[in-house]
Amino acid sequence: MELTDDQVTAQLWDLEEEERQDARVALADGTYLSLFLDKVDSQSFIFRRAAAERAGSDFWKFDTAGQAQAAFDQMLAGLRRDQMVLEEDSGDDLGGTGGYEGEAIEPFGLNGMQAGDREPELDETEEL
C-alpha cells in the first residue's frame, strides 16, 4: 500500500527530528533542505521544511538513492550559485515537537519541477 502525501510528510518530519537525514542545509529564506536515502518505504526523498515546528513542508520522491543524491547535489549547486545556502550539515532547529500542520511554504523548483509534481520526469538523454 502506497503512503499518502500526509503520511510521507509525517514520516519525514519524524526522521528529521531524530536527525536521521543523510544531508541537511539551512537556506537563506528560513527553510531547511534535507536528503533522506532509502528511509521511507525503500524510497528516497528531498524534504524542504520551514523553520517553525512542523509549520510547512514539501518533498520530492525518488525511486533510487542515486537519483535522489544527484538531484540534491544539483539543487544544492543552484542554491550555492544563488547564494541561498547559509549552512551545510546544519543541526539548527531539529528539536521540533507537535503534529504536522501542513501549511504551505513558498515553492521553488528542482530541475524545473515544482515540489507539487512529486516525481521527477526522467531526462530522455539520461541513462538509467
N, C-alpha and C. Protein backbone atom coordinates (compact mmCIF):
# COMPACT_ATOMS: atom_id res chain seq x y z
N MET A 1 0.84 -1.18 0.00
CA MET A 1 0.00 0.00 0.00
C MET A 1 0.89 1.25 0.00
N GLU A 2 0.62 2.13 -0.94
CA GLU A 2 1.41 3.35 -1.04
C GLU A 2 0.95 4.36 0.01
N LEU A 3 1.92 5.04 0.60
CA LEU A 3 1.61 6.05 1.61
C LEU A 3 1.03 7.30 0.96
N THR A 4 0.15 7.98 1.68
CA THR A 4 -0.36 9.26 1.22
C THR A 4 0.71 10.33 1.40
N ASP A 5 0.53 11.48 0.77
CA ASP A 5 1.48 12.59 0.94
C ASP A 5 1.58 13.00 2.40
N ASP A 6 0.45 13.03 3.11
CA ASP A 6 0.48 13.40 4.53
C ASP A 6 1.25 12.37 5.36
N GLN A 7 1.11 11.09 5.04
CA GLN A 7 1.84 10.05 5.77
C GLN A 7 3.34 10.16 5.51
N VAL A 8 3.71 10.40 4.26
CA VAL A 8 5.13 10.57 3.92
C VAL A 8 5.68 11.79 4.65
N THR A 9 4.94 12.89 4.61
CA THR A 9 5.38 14.12 5.27
C THR A 9 5.58 13.89 6.76
N ALA A 10 4.65 13.22 7.41
CA ALA A 10 4.78 12.94 8.84
C ALA A 10 6.01 12.09 9.12
N GLN A 11 6.28 11.09 8.28
CA GLN A 11 7.46 10.26 8.48
C GLN A 11 8.75 11.05 8.27
N LEU A 12 8.75 11.91 7.26
CA LEU A 12 9.95 12.73 7.02
C LEU A 12 10.19 13.69 8.18
N TRP A 13 9.14 14.28 8.73
CA TRP A 13 9.30 15.15 9.91
C TRP A 13 9.89 14.35 11.06
N ASP A 14 9.38 13.14 11.30
CA ASP A 14 9.90 12.31 12.39
C ASP A 14 11.37 11.98 12.18
N LEU A 15 11.73 11.60 10.96
CA LEU A 15 13.13 11.29 10.66
C LEU A 15 14.02 12.53 10.85
N GLU A 16 13.51 13.68 10.44
CA GLU A 16 14.26 14.94 10.60
C GLU A 16 14.49 15.23 12.08
N GLU A 17 13.46 15.09 12.87
CA GLU A 17 13.58 15.37 14.31
C GLU A 17 14.49 14.38 15.02
N GLU A 18 14.60 13.16 14.46
CA GLU A 18 15.50 12.15 15.02
C GLU A 18 16.91 12.29 14.44
N GLU A 19 17.12 13.31 13.62
CA GLU A 19 18.42 13.59 12.98
C GLU A 19 18.91 12.42 12.15
N ARG A 20 18.01 11.81 11.38
CA ARG A 20 18.36 10.66 10.55
C ARG A 20 18.49 11.01 9.08
N GLN A 21 18.61 12.30 8.77
CA GLN A 21 18.80 12.71 7.39
C GLN A 21 20.23 12.40 6.94
N ASP A 22 20.42 12.22 5.65
CA ASP A 22 21.75 11.94 5.10
C ASP A 22 22.51 13.23 4.80
N ALA A 23 21.80 14.31 4.60
CA ALA A 23 22.40 15.64 4.40
C ALA A 23 21.33 16.67 4.76
N ARG A 24 21.80 17.84 5.21
CA ARG A 24 20.85 18.90 5.60
C ARG A 24 21.50 20.25 5.38
N VAL A 25 20.73 21.19 4.84
CA VAL A 25 21.24 22.52 4.51
C VAL A 25 20.24 23.56 5.02
N ALA A 26 20.76 24.59 5.71
CA ALA A 26 19.94 25.73 6.11
C ALA A 26 19.99 26.75 4.99
N LEU A 27 18.81 27.26 4.60
CA LEU A 27 18.73 28.20 3.49
C LEU A 27 18.40 29.61 3.97
N ALA A 28 18.76 30.58 3.14
CA ALA A 28 18.59 31.99 3.49
C ALA A 28 17.13 32.39 3.66
N ASP A 29 16.20 31.65 3.08
CA ASP A 29 14.78 32.00 3.21
C ASP A 29 14.16 31.44 4.50
N GLY A 30 14.98 30.87 5.37
CA GLY A 30 14.49 30.34 6.64
C GLY A 30 14.01 28.91 6.58
N THR A 31 14.21 28.25 5.45
CA THR A 31 13.82 26.85 5.32
C THR A 31 15.05 25.96 5.39
N TYR A 32 14.80 24.66 5.48
CA TYR A 32 15.86 23.66 5.51
C TYR A 32 15.59 22.64 4.42
N LEU A 33 16.64 22.17 3.80
CA LEU A 33 16.55 21.16 2.76
C LEU A 33 17.31 19.93 3.25
N SER A 34 16.64 18.79 3.28
CA SER A 34 17.25 17.56 3.78
C SER A 34 17.14 16.45 2.76
N LEU A 35 18.09 15.55 2.80
CA LEU A 35 18.13 14.38 1.92
C LEU A 35 17.95 13.14 2.77
N PHE A 36 17.02 12.29 2.39
CA PHE A 36 16.79 11.02 3.07
C PHE A 36 16.91 9.91 2.03
N LEU A 37 17.91 9.05 2.20
CA LEU A 37 18.15 7.98 1.24
C LEU A 37 17.59 6.66 1.77
N ASP A 38 16.67 6.07 1.01
CA ASP A 38 16.08 4.76 1.33
C ASP A 38 15.54 4.67 2.75
N LYS A 39 14.85 5.70 3.20
CA LYS A 39 14.38 5.71 4.58
C LYS A 39 12.87 5.56 4.74
N VAL A 40 12.08 5.78 3.68
CA VAL A 40 10.62 5.67 3.76
C VAL A 40 10.18 4.73 2.65
N ASP A 41 9.68 3.57 3.00
CA ASP A 41 9.22 2.57 2.02
C ASP A 41 10.26 2.31 0.93
N SER A 42 11.52 2.22 1.30
CA SER A 42 12.63 1.95 0.38
C SER A 42 12.73 2.99 -0.74
N GLN A 43 12.22 4.18 -0.49
CA GLN A 43 12.36 5.27 -1.45
C GLN A 43 13.16 6.38 -0.81
N SER A 44 13.67 7.26 -1.66
CA SER A 44 14.48 8.37 -1.18
C SER A 44 13.75 9.69 -1.45
N PHE A 45 14.05 10.67 -0.58
CA PHE A 45 13.33 11.94 -0.64
C PHE A 45 14.25 13.12 -0.42
N ILE A 46 13.90 14.23 -1.04
CA ILE A 46 14.42 15.53 -0.68
C ILE A 46 13.26 16.21 0.03
N PHE A 47 13.53 16.73 1.22
CA PHE A 47 12.49 17.29 2.08
C PHE A 47 12.83 18.73 2.39
N ARG A 48 11.92 19.62 2.11
CA ARG A 48 12.10 21.04 2.43
C ARG A 48 11.07 21.44 3.46
N ARG A 49 11.55 22.08 4.52
CA ARG A 49 10.63 22.45 5.58
C ARG A 49 10.93 23.85 6.10
N ALA A 50 9.88 24.46 6.64
CA ALA A 50 10.03 25.77 7.27
C ALA A 50 10.73 25.58 8.61
N ALA A 51 11.27 26.66 9.14
CA ALA A 51 11.99 26.59 10.39
C ALA A 51 11.08 26.38 11.59
N ALA A 52 9.87 26.90 11.53
CA ALA A 52 8.94 26.74 12.66
C ALA A 52 8.56 25.27 12.80
N GLU A 53 8.25 24.89 14.00
CA GLU A 53 7.94 23.49 14.29
C GLU A 53 6.79 23.00 13.42
N ARG A 54 7.12 22.13 12.49
CA ARG A 54 6.15 21.50 11.59
C ARG A 54 5.18 22.50 10.96
N ALA A 55 5.68 23.68 10.65
CA ALA A 55 4.82 24.74 10.13
C ALA A 55 4.54 24.63 8.64
N GLY A 56 5.38 23.99 7.90
CA GLY A 56 5.16 23.86 6.47
C GLY A 56 6.27 23.04 5.86
N SER A 57 5.94 22.31 4.81
CA SER A 57 6.94 21.45 4.20
C SER A 57 6.52 21.02 2.81
N ASP A 58 7.46 20.44 2.11
CA ASP A 58 7.22 19.86 0.81
C ASP A 58 8.30 18.81 0.57
N PHE A 59 8.06 17.92 -0.38
CA PHE A 59 9.06 16.90 -0.66
C PHE A 59 9.04 16.48 -2.11
N TRP A 60 10.16 15.89 -2.54
CA TRP A 60 10.29 15.26 -3.83
C TRP A 60 10.63 13.80 -3.59
N LYS A 61 10.04 12.89 -4.35
CA LYS A 61 10.22 11.45 -4.16
C LYS A 61 11.04 10.87 -5.30
N PHE A 62 11.93 9.92 -4.96
CA PHE A 62 12.79 9.27 -5.95
C PHE A 62 12.78 7.77 -5.72
N ASP A 63 12.85 7.02 -6.80
CA ASP A 63 12.84 5.56 -6.69
C ASP A 63 14.17 5.01 -6.18
N THR A 64 15.27 5.71 -6.47
CA THR A 64 16.57 5.21 -6.04
C THR A 64 17.34 6.28 -5.27
N ALA A 65 18.25 5.81 -4.45
CA ALA A 65 19.11 6.73 -3.69
C ALA A 65 19.99 7.53 -4.64
N GLY A 66 20.46 6.92 -5.71
CA GLY A 66 21.31 7.62 -6.68
C GLY A 66 20.60 8.78 -7.34
N GLN A 67 19.32 8.58 -7.71
CA GLN A 67 18.54 9.67 -8.30
C GLN A 67 18.37 10.81 -7.31
N ALA A 68 18.07 10.47 -6.07
CA ALA A 68 17.86 11.50 -5.04
C ALA A 68 19.15 12.26 -4.77
N GLN A 69 20.27 11.54 -4.66
CA GLN A 69 21.55 12.19 -4.38
C GLN A 69 21.93 13.13 -5.52
N ALA A 70 21.75 12.68 -6.77
CA ALA A 70 22.09 13.52 -7.92
C ALA A 70 21.21 14.78 -7.95
N ALA A 71 19.92 14.63 -7.69
CA ALA A 71 19.02 15.78 -7.68
C ALA A 71 19.36 16.74 -6.55
N PHE A 72 19.68 16.20 -5.37
CA PHE A 72 20.05 17.03 -4.23
C PHE A 72 21.32 17.81 -4.54
N ASP A 73 22.31 17.13 -5.11
CA ASP A 73 23.57 17.79 -5.46
C ASP A 73 23.35 18.90 -6.49
N GLN A 74 22.49 18.64 -7.47
CA GLN A 74 22.20 19.64 -8.49
C GLN A 74 21.45 20.82 -7.88
N MET A 75 20.48 20.52 -7.02
CA MET A 75 19.73 21.59 -6.36
C MET A 75 20.67 22.42 -5.48
N LEU A 76 21.54 21.76 -4.73
CA LEU A 76 22.47 22.45 -3.84
C LEU A 76 23.42 23.34 -4.64
N ALA A 77 23.87 22.87 -5.79
CA ALA A 77 24.75 23.69 -6.64
C ALA A 77 24.03 24.97 -7.07
N GLY A 78 22.77 24.86 -7.45
CA GLY A 78 22.00 26.03 -7.83
C GLY A 78 21.77 26.97 -6.67
N LEU A 79 21.50 26.41 -5.51
CA LEU A 79 21.29 27.24 -4.31
C LEU A 79 22.58 27.96 -3.91
N ARG A 80 23.72 27.28 -4.03
CA ARG A 80 25.01 27.94 -3.75
C ARG A 80 25.25 29.08 -4.73
N ARG A 81 24.98 28.81 -6.00
CA ARG A 81 25.18 29.82 -7.04
C ARG A 81 24.31 31.05 -6.75
N ASP A 82 23.10 30.84 -6.27
CA ASP A 82 22.18 31.93 -5.94
C ASP A 82 22.41 32.48 -4.53
N GLN A 83 23.46 32.02 -3.86
CA GLN A 83 23.84 32.44 -2.51
C GLN A 83 22.69 32.26 -1.51
N MET A 84 22.00 31.12 -1.62
CA MET A 84 20.88 30.81 -0.74
C MET A 84 21.29 29.92 0.43
N VAL A 85 22.50 29.34 0.39
CA VAL A 85 22.92 28.40 1.43
C VAL A 85 23.55 29.16 2.59
N LEU A 86 22.96 29.00 3.78
CA LEU A 86 23.53 29.61 4.99
C LEU A 86 24.51 28.67 5.67
N GLU A 87 24.11 27.39 5.77
CA GLU A 87 24.95 26.42 6.47
C GLU A 87 24.66 25.02 5.94
N GLU A 88 25.73 24.30 5.60
CA GLU A 88 25.57 22.91 5.19
C GLU A 88 25.73 22.01 6.41
N ASP A 89 25.08 20.85 6.37
CA ASP A 89 25.04 19.92 7.50
C ASP A 89 24.57 20.63 8.76
N SER A 90 23.56 21.45 8.59
CA SER A 90 23.03 22.25 9.68
C SER A 90 22.31 21.38 10.71
N GLY A 91 22.60 21.63 11.98
CA GLY A 91 21.92 20.95 13.06
C GLY A 91 20.94 21.85 13.79
N ASP A 92 20.79 23.07 13.28
CA ASP A 92 19.87 24.02 13.92
C ASP A 92 18.44 23.55 13.79
N ASP A 93 17.63 23.91 14.74
CA ASP A 93 16.18 23.75 14.68
C ASP A 93 15.73 22.32 14.44
N LEU A 94 16.38 21.34 15.06
CA LEU A 94 15.98 19.95 14.88
C LEU A 94 15.06 19.46 15.99
N GLY A 95 14.82 20.22 17.01
CA GLY A 95 14.07 19.73 18.15
C GLY A 95 12.59 20.03 18.13
N GLY A 96 11.97 20.05 16.97
CA GLY A 96 10.56 20.39 16.87
C GLY A 96 9.66 19.38 17.56
N THR A 97 8.51 19.84 17.99
CA THR A 97 7.52 18.96 18.60
C THR A 97 6.16 19.31 18.06
N GLY A 98 5.22 18.44 18.28
CA GLY A 98 3.85 18.72 17.85
C GLY A 98 3.53 18.06 16.54
N GLY A 99 2.29 18.17 16.12
CA GLY A 99 1.82 17.49 14.92
C GLY A 99 2.10 18.27 13.66
N TYR A 100 2.04 17.57 12.58
CA TYR A 100 2.21 18.17 11.26
C TYR A 100 1.01 19.07 10.96
N GLU A 101 1.28 20.31 10.58
CA GLU A 101 0.20 21.26 10.35
C GLU A 101 -0.09 21.47 8.87
N GLY A 102 0.80 21.04 8.00
CA GLY A 102 0.55 21.07 6.57
C GLY A 102 0.43 22.43 5.93
N GLU A 103 1.01 23.46 6.49
CA GLU A 103 0.95 24.78 5.89
C GLU A 103 1.91 24.85 4.70
N ALA A 104 1.54 25.61 3.71
CA ALA A 104 2.37 25.71 2.51
C ALA A 104 3.56 26.63 2.76
N ILE A 105 4.66 26.31 2.10
CA ILE A 105 5.81 27.21 2.06
C ILE A 105 6.00 27.59 0.60
N GLU A 106 6.63 28.71 0.38
CA GLU A 106 6.84 29.20 -0.98
C GLU A 106 7.64 28.17 -1.78
N PRO A 107 7.12 27.70 -2.91
CA PRO A 107 7.80 26.64 -3.66
C PRO A 107 9.00 27.16 -4.42
N PHE A 108 9.94 26.27 -4.64
CA PHE A 108 10.97 26.54 -5.62
C PHE A 108 11.20 25.26 -6.39
N GLY A 109 11.71 25.38 -7.58
CA GLY A 109 11.80 24.24 -8.47
C GLY A 109 13.01 23.37 -8.23
N LEU A 110 12.91 22.16 -8.69
CA LEU A 110 14.01 21.19 -8.69
C LEU A 110 14.16 20.77 -10.13
N ASN A 111 15.18 21.29 -10.80
CA ASN A 111 15.39 20.97 -12.21
C ASN A 111 14.13 21.26 -13.03
N GLY A 112 13.50 22.41 -12.76
CA GLY A 112 12.31 22.79 -13.49
C GLY A 112 11.03 22.13 -12.99
N MET A 113 11.12 21.36 -11.93
CA MET A 113 9.96 20.66 -11.39
C MET A 113 9.57 21.30 -10.07
N GLN A 114 8.31 21.58 -9.88
CA GLN A 114 7.84 22.08 -8.59
C GLN A 114 7.60 20.90 -7.66
N ALA A 115 7.71 21.12 -6.38
CA ALA A 115 7.55 20.04 -5.42
C ALA A 115 6.18 19.38 -5.54
N GLY A 116 5.17 20.11 -5.95
CA GLY A 116 3.84 19.53 -6.10
C GLY A 116 3.79 18.43 -7.15
N ASP A 117 4.78 18.41 -8.05
CA ASP A 117 4.84 17.36 -9.06
C ASP A 117 5.26 16.03 -8.47
N ARG A 118 5.91 16.06 -7.33
CA ARG A 118 6.36 14.91 -6.54
C ARG A 118 7.41 14.05 -7.21
N GLU A 119 7.18 13.59 -8.43
CA GLU A 119 8.13 12.69 -9.06
C GLU A 119 8.76 13.38 -10.25
N PRO A 120 10.10 13.31 -10.34
CA PRO A 120 10.78 13.98 -11.45
C PRO A 120 10.53 13.26 -12.77
N GLU A 121 10.53 14.03 -13.84
CA GLU A 121 10.46 13.43 -15.16
C GLU A 121 11.88 13.02 -15.53
N LEU A 122 12.02 11.82 -16.10
CA LEU A 122 13.33 11.36 -16.50
C LEU A 122 13.76 12.09 -17.75
N ASP A 123 14.98 12.54 -17.77
CA ASP A 123 15.55 13.15 -18.94
C ASP A 123 15.79 12.05 -19.97
N GLU A 124 15.26 12.22 -21.17
CA GLU A 124 15.36 11.16 -22.16
C GLU A 124 16.79 10.86 -22.55
N THR A 125 17.71 11.79 -22.34
CA THR A 125 19.11 11.55 -22.67
C THR A 125 19.84 10.89 -21.52
N GLU A 126 19.21 10.80 -20.37
CA GLU A 126 19.84 10.25 -19.18
C GLU A 126 19.74 8.73 -19.21
N GLU A 127 20.85 8.07 -18.96
CA GLU A 127 20.83 6.61 -18.90
C GLU A 127 20.49 6.16 -17.51
N LEU A 128 19.73 5.09 -17.41
CA LEU A 128 19.36 4.56 -16.10
C LEU A 128 20.31 3.49 -15.66
